[in-house]
Amino acid sequence: MRFSRKEFEVAVDDAIDLIPDELFRAMENVVILIEQEPPPSDPHLLGLYEGVPLTQRDSSWMGSLPDTIRVFQGPLERMCSTRDELVHEITVTVVHEIAHFFGISESRLHELGWG
């Protein structure tokens, strides 16, 4: 299943819109980027959070570069065969990476069904 860049952006925006307002407001200094492919070292990666989770920050964090969430269009499209499936996987990926920003571990995300 393939989306145009614009369709993919809309699906990511729709996933972000599912984040409750109080959590979204806590997401200061975070950039969400769409990239076509993940790093060659992990070609099946769907998303990636890079930064310091809120649960690990202290006063020295202030003024740091923004945390980054990357959503990789290519692998998401390759794993899905229908539009609904792709929209669902984009949503799962966005929520999953935002959860890492809030300090939720990979194992806990799997327990919650977001893994």
N, C-alpha and C. Protein backbone atom coordinates (compact mmCIF):
# COMPACT_ATOMS: atom_id res chain seq x y z
N MET A 1 0.86 -1.18 0.00
CA MET A 1 0.00 0.00 0.00
C MET A 1 0.89 1.23 0.00
N ARG A 2 0.58 2.19 -0.86
CA ARG A 2 1.39 3.40 -0.94
C ARG A 2 0.50 4.63 -0.75
N PHE A 3 1.01 5.60 0.00
CA PHE A 3 0.38 6.90 0.17
C PHE A 3 1.28 7.94 -0.48
N SER A 4 0.68 9.00 -0.97
CA SER A 4 1.49 10.15 -1.35
C SER A 4 2.07 10.74 -0.07
N ARG A 5 3.04 11.60 -0.22
CA ARG A 5 3.62 12.24 0.96
C ARG A 5 2.54 12.98 1.75
N LYS A 6 1.66 13.68 1.04
CA LYS A 6 0.59 14.45 1.69
C LYS A 6 -0.37 13.53 2.45
N GLU A 7 -0.76 12.42 1.85
CA GLU A 7 -1.66 11.47 2.52
C GLU A 7 -1.00 10.91 3.78
N PHE A 8 0.29 10.64 3.69
CA PHE A 8 1.01 10.12 4.84
C PHE A 8 1.06 11.17 5.95
N GLU A 9 1.34 12.41 5.58
CA GLU A 9 1.37 13.51 6.56
C GLU A 9 0.02 13.65 7.26
N VAL A 10 -1.07 13.56 6.49
CA VAL A 10 -2.40 13.66 7.08
C VAL A 10 -2.64 12.52 8.07
N ALA A 11 -2.21 11.32 7.71
CA ALA A 11 -2.39 10.18 8.62
C ALA A 11 -1.58 10.36 9.91
N VAL A 12 -0.37 10.90 9.80
CA VAL A 12 0.44 11.19 11.00
C VAL A 12 -0.24 12.27 11.83
N ASP A 13 -0.71 13.32 11.18
CA ASP A 13 -1.43 14.39 11.90
C ASP A 13 -2.67 13.85 12.60
N ASP A 14 -3.40 12.97 11.94
CA ASP A 14 -4.58 12.37 12.55
C ASP A 14 -4.20 11.55 13.78
N ALA A 15 -3.08 10.85 13.71
CA ALA A 15 -2.61 10.07 14.86
C ALA A 15 -2.24 11.00 16.02
N ILE A 16 -1.58 12.10 15.71
CA ILE A 16 -1.21 13.07 16.75
C ILE A 16 -2.46 13.65 17.40
N ASP A 17 -3.50 13.87 16.60
CA ASP A 17 -4.75 14.42 17.12
C ASP A 17 -5.41 13.49 18.14
N LEU A 18 -5.05 12.22 18.16
CA LEU A 18 -5.61 11.28 19.13
C LEU A 18 -5.00 11.42 20.52
N ILE A 19 -3.88 12.13 20.60
CA ILE A 19 -3.21 12.33 21.89
C ILE A 19 -4.06 13.30 22.71
N PRO A 20 -4.41 12.92 23.94
CA PRO A 20 -5.19 13.84 24.79
C PRO A 20 -4.49 15.19 24.94
N ASP A 21 -5.29 16.26 24.99
CA ASP A 21 -4.75 17.61 25.04
C ASP A 21 -3.74 17.82 26.16
N GLU A 22 -4.03 17.27 27.36
CA GLU A 22 -3.11 17.49 28.48
C GLU A 22 -1.75 16.84 28.23
N LEU A 23 -1.73 15.72 27.53
CA LEU A 23 -0.46 15.10 27.18
C LEU A 23 0.22 15.86 26.05
N PHE A 24 -0.55 16.27 25.07
CA PHE A 24 0.02 17.01 23.95
C PHE A 24 0.68 18.30 24.42
N ARG A 25 0.05 18.98 25.37
CA ARG A 25 0.63 20.23 25.90
C ARG A 25 1.96 19.97 26.61
N ALA A 26 2.16 18.77 27.12
CA ALA A 26 3.40 18.43 27.80
C ALA A 26 4.53 18.11 26.82
N MET A 27 4.20 18.04 25.56
CA MET A 27 5.20 17.68 24.55
C MET A 27 5.92 18.92 24.02
N GLU A 28 6.58 19.62 24.91
CA GLU A 28 7.36 20.79 24.51
C GLU A 28 8.71 20.34 23.98
N ASN A 29 9.20 21.08 23.00
CA ASN A 29 10.53 20.85 22.46
C ASN A 29 10.65 19.46 21.82
N VAL A 30 9.60 19.05 21.09
CA VAL A 30 9.58 17.78 20.37
C VAL A 30 9.26 18.05 18.90
N VAL A 31 10.02 17.45 18.03
CA VAL A 31 9.79 17.57 16.59
C VAL A 31 9.38 16.19 16.08
N ILE A 32 8.31 16.15 15.29
CA ILE A 32 7.90 14.90 14.67
C ILE A 32 8.18 15.03 13.18
N LEU A 33 9.03 14.12 12.68
CA LEU A 33 9.45 14.16 11.29
C LEU A 33 9.00 12.91 10.56
N ILE A 34 8.71 13.06 9.29
CA ILE A 34 8.44 11.91 8.42
C ILE A 34 9.65 11.75 7.53
N GLU A 35 10.19 10.55 7.52
CA GLU A 35 11.32 10.24 6.65
C GLU A 35 10.94 9.03 5.81
N GLN A 36 11.50 8.94 4.63
CA GLN A 36 11.15 7.84 3.74
C GLN A 36 11.66 6.51 4.28
N GLU A 37 12.90 6.46 4.72
CA GLU A 37 13.50 5.20 5.15
C GLU A 37 14.26 5.37 6.47
N PRO A 38 14.31 4.30 7.25
CA PRO A 38 15.10 4.32 8.49
C PRO A 38 16.59 4.17 8.18
N PRO A 39 17.42 4.25 9.20
CA PRO A 39 18.86 4.07 8.98
C PRO A 39 19.14 2.67 8.41
N PRO A 40 20.16 2.54 7.57
CA PRO A 40 20.49 1.23 7.00
C PRO A 40 20.76 0.15 8.05
N SER A 41 21.16 0.57 9.23
CA SER A 41 21.45 -0.40 10.29
C SER A 41 20.20 -1.09 10.82
N ASP A 42 19.01 -0.51 10.57
CA ASP A 42 17.76 -1.11 11.04
C ASP A 42 16.65 -0.84 10.02
N PRO A 43 16.71 -1.52 8.86
CA PRO A 43 15.82 -1.19 7.74
C PRO A 43 14.34 -1.48 7.98
N HIS A 44 14.00 -2.22 9.02
CA HIS A 44 12.59 -2.54 9.29
C HIS A 44 11.98 -1.65 10.37
N LEU A 45 12.74 -0.70 10.86
CA LEU A 45 12.27 0.22 11.89
C LEU A 45 11.11 1.06 11.35
N LEU A 46 10.03 1.16 12.13
CA LEU A 46 8.85 1.92 11.71
C LEU A 46 8.87 3.34 12.24
N GLY A 47 9.45 3.53 13.42
CA GLY A 47 9.54 4.84 14.05
C GLY A 47 10.71 4.85 15.01
N LEU A 48 11.10 6.04 15.41
CA LEU A 48 12.25 6.16 16.30
C LEU A 48 12.10 7.42 17.14
N TYR A 49 12.25 7.25 18.46
CA TYR A 49 12.30 8.40 19.37
C TYR A 49 13.75 8.64 19.74
N GLU A 50 14.20 9.87 19.58
CA GLU A 50 15.56 10.26 19.95
C GLU A 50 15.47 11.45 20.90
N GLY A 51 15.95 11.26 22.10
CA GLY A 51 15.91 12.34 23.07
C GLY A 51 15.99 11.82 24.48
N VAL A 52 15.62 12.67 25.41
CA VAL A 52 15.63 12.32 26.83
C VAL A 52 14.17 12.25 27.29
N PRO A 53 13.69 11.07 27.67
CA PRO A 53 12.31 10.95 28.13
C PRO A 53 12.03 11.88 29.31
N LEU A 54 10.80 12.33 29.40
CA LEU A 54 10.42 13.24 30.49
C LEU A 54 10.79 12.69 31.86
N THR A 55 10.67 11.39 32.03
CA THR A 55 10.95 10.77 33.32
C THR A 55 12.42 10.79 33.69
N GLN A 56 13.30 11.15 32.75
CA GLN A 56 14.73 11.16 33.02
C GLN A 56 15.34 12.56 32.97
N ARG A 57 14.53 13.56 32.84
CA ARG A 57 15.05 14.92 32.71
C ARG A 57 15.29 15.56 34.07
N ASP A 58 16.29 16.43 34.09
CA ASP A 58 16.55 17.24 35.27
C ASP A 58 16.76 18.68 34.81
N SER A 59 17.18 19.54 35.70
CA SER A 59 17.31 20.96 35.37
C SER A 59 18.36 21.22 34.29
N SER A 60 19.31 20.32 34.11
CA SER A 60 20.33 20.53 33.08
C SER A 60 19.77 20.33 31.67
N TRP A 61 18.59 19.76 31.57
CA TRP A 61 17.98 19.53 30.25
C TRP A 61 17.53 20.83 29.60
N MET A 62 17.18 21.82 30.37
CA MET A 62 16.65 23.08 29.82
C MET A 62 17.58 23.64 28.76
N GLY A 63 17.00 24.04 27.65
CA GLY A 63 17.78 24.64 26.57
C GLY A 63 18.40 23.64 25.63
N SER A 64 18.08 22.37 25.80
CA SER A 64 18.63 21.34 24.93
C SER A 64 17.95 21.38 23.57
N LEU A 65 18.60 20.74 22.61
CA LEU A 65 17.99 20.59 21.29
C LEU A 65 16.68 19.83 21.43
N PRO A 66 15.77 19.99 20.50
CA PRO A 66 14.49 19.28 20.63
C PRO A 66 14.66 17.77 20.51
N ASP A 67 13.79 17.05 21.21
CA ASP A 67 13.69 15.62 21.00
C ASP A 67 13.08 15.42 19.62
N THR A 68 13.35 14.26 19.03
CA THR A 68 12.88 13.99 17.68
C THR A 68 12.14 12.66 17.64
N ILE A 69 11.00 12.67 17.01
CA ILE A 69 10.28 11.44 16.69
C ILE A 69 10.28 11.33 15.18
N ARG A 70 10.79 10.21 14.70
CA ARG A 70 10.84 9.96 13.25
C ARG A 70 9.87 8.84 12.91
N VAL A 71 9.07 9.06 11.88
CA VAL A 71 8.14 8.06 11.38
C VAL A 71 8.60 7.71 9.97
N PHE A 72 8.83 6.43 9.72
CA PHE A 72 9.42 5.99 8.45
C PHE A 72 8.35 5.45 7.50
N GLN A 73 8.11 6.19 6.44
CA GLN A 73 7.04 5.89 5.51
C GLN A 73 7.25 4.58 4.76
N GLY A 74 8.45 4.35 4.26
CA GLY A 74 8.71 3.17 3.43
C GLY A 74 8.37 1.84 4.10
N PRO A 75 8.94 1.56 5.27
CA PRO A 75 8.65 0.27 5.89
C PRO A 75 7.19 0.12 6.30
N LEU A 76 6.55 1.22 6.71
CA LEU A 76 5.13 1.15 7.07
C LEU A 76 4.30 0.78 5.84
N GLU A 77 4.60 1.39 4.71
CA GLU A 77 3.86 1.07 3.49
C GLU A 77 4.10 -0.37 3.05
N ARG A 78 5.33 -0.83 3.16
CA ARG A 78 5.65 -2.19 2.70
C ARG A 78 4.98 -3.27 3.54
N MET A 79 4.72 -2.97 4.81
CA MET A 79 4.13 -4.00 5.67
C MET A 79 2.61 -4.05 5.59
N CYS A 80 1.99 -3.09 4.91
CA CYS A 80 0.53 -2.99 4.88
C CYS A 80 0.00 -3.24 3.47
N SER A 81 -1.15 -3.90 3.41
CA SER A 81 -1.74 -4.18 2.10
C SER A 81 -3.03 -3.39 1.85
N THR A 82 -3.56 -2.74 2.89
CA THR A 82 -4.78 -1.94 2.69
C THR A 82 -4.59 -0.56 3.31
N ARG A 83 -5.42 0.35 2.88
CA ARG A 83 -5.40 1.72 3.42
C ARG A 83 -5.68 1.72 4.92
N ASP A 84 -6.71 0.98 5.34
CA ASP A 84 -7.05 0.93 6.77
C ASP A 84 -5.91 0.37 7.60
N GLU A 85 -5.26 -0.64 7.08
CA GLU A 85 -4.14 -1.24 7.80
C GLU A 85 -2.99 -0.23 7.92
N LEU A 86 -2.71 0.50 6.86
CA LEU A 86 -1.64 1.50 6.90
C LEU A 86 -1.96 2.62 7.88
N VAL A 87 -3.18 3.12 7.85
CA VAL A 87 -3.58 4.17 8.80
C VAL A 87 -3.44 3.66 10.23
N HIS A 88 -3.86 2.43 10.48
CA HIS A 88 -3.74 1.84 11.82
C HIS A 88 -2.27 1.74 12.25
N GLU A 89 -1.41 1.25 11.37
CA GLU A 89 0.01 1.08 11.72
C GLU A 89 0.70 2.43 11.92
N ILE A 90 0.32 3.44 11.16
CA ILE A 90 0.86 4.79 11.37
C ILE A 90 0.46 5.27 12.76
N THR A 91 -0.80 5.07 13.11
CA THR A 91 -1.29 5.49 14.43
C THR A 91 -0.55 4.77 15.54
N VAL A 92 -0.40 3.47 15.43
CA VAL A 92 0.32 2.69 16.44
C VAL A 92 1.76 3.20 16.56
N THR A 93 2.40 3.45 15.44
CA THR A 93 3.80 3.92 15.46
C THR A 93 3.92 5.28 16.13
N VAL A 94 3.05 6.21 15.77
CA VAL A 94 3.11 7.55 16.36
C VAL A 94 2.86 7.48 17.87
N VAL A 95 1.83 6.78 18.28
CA VAL A 95 1.52 6.65 19.72
C VAL A 95 2.68 5.97 20.44
N HIS A 96 3.24 4.95 19.84
CA HIS A 96 4.36 4.20 20.42
C HIS A 96 5.56 5.13 20.68
N GLU A 97 5.93 5.92 19.69
CA GLU A 97 7.10 6.80 19.83
C GLU A 97 6.81 7.95 20.81
N ILE A 98 5.61 8.48 20.80
CA ILE A 98 5.25 9.51 21.77
C ILE A 98 5.30 8.94 23.19
N ALA A 99 4.88 7.70 23.35
CA ALA A 99 4.95 7.05 24.66
C ALA A 99 6.39 6.97 25.16
N HIS A 100 7.33 6.72 24.25
CA HIS A 100 8.75 6.71 24.66
C HIS A 100 9.17 8.09 25.18
N PHE A 101 8.68 9.16 24.56
CA PHE A 101 8.95 10.51 25.04
C PHE A 101 8.50 10.65 26.49
N PHE A 102 7.38 10.05 26.84
CA PHE A 102 6.86 10.12 28.20
C PHE A 102 7.50 9.11 29.13
N GLY A 103 8.47 8.34 28.62
CA GLY A 103 9.22 7.43 29.47
C GLY A 103 8.62 6.04 29.59
N ILE A 104 7.68 5.70 28.74
CA ILE A 104 7.08 4.36 28.79
C ILE A 104 7.99 3.40 28.05
N SER A 105 8.35 2.32 28.71
CA SER A 105 9.31 1.36 28.16
C SER A 105 8.68 0.51 27.06
N GLU A 106 9.54 -0.11 26.29
CA GLU A 106 9.11 -1.01 25.22
C GLU A 106 8.27 -2.15 25.78
N SER A 107 8.72 -2.74 26.89
CA SER A 107 7.97 -3.86 27.47
C SER A 107 6.59 -3.42 27.95
N ARG A 108 6.50 -2.24 28.54
CA ARG A 108 5.20 -1.75 29.02
C ARG A 108 4.26 -1.44 27.84
N LEU A 109 4.82 -0.91 26.76
CA LEU A 109 4.02 -0.66 25.56
C LEU A 109 3.44 -1.97 25.00
N HIS A 110 4.23 -3.02 25.02
CA HIS A 110 3.74 -4.33 24.57
C HIS A 110 2.62 -4.83 25.48
N GLU A 111 2.78 -4.64 26.78
CA GLU A 111 1.73 -5.04 27.72
C GLU A 111 0.43 -4.29 27.45
N LEU A 112 0.54 -3.02 27.05
CA LEU A 112 -0.62 -2.19 26.80
C LEU A 112 -1.21 -2.38 25.40
N GLY A 113 -0.54 -3.20 24.58
CA GLY A 113 -1.03 -3.46 23.23
C GLY A 113 -0.57 -2.48 22.18
N TRP A 114 0.46 -1.69 22.48
CA TRP A 114 1.00 -0.71 21.54
C TRP A 114 2.37 -1.10 21.04
N GLY A 115 2.71 -2.36 21.13
CA GLY A 115 4.05 -2.79 20.76
C GLY A 115 4.18 -3.44 19.45
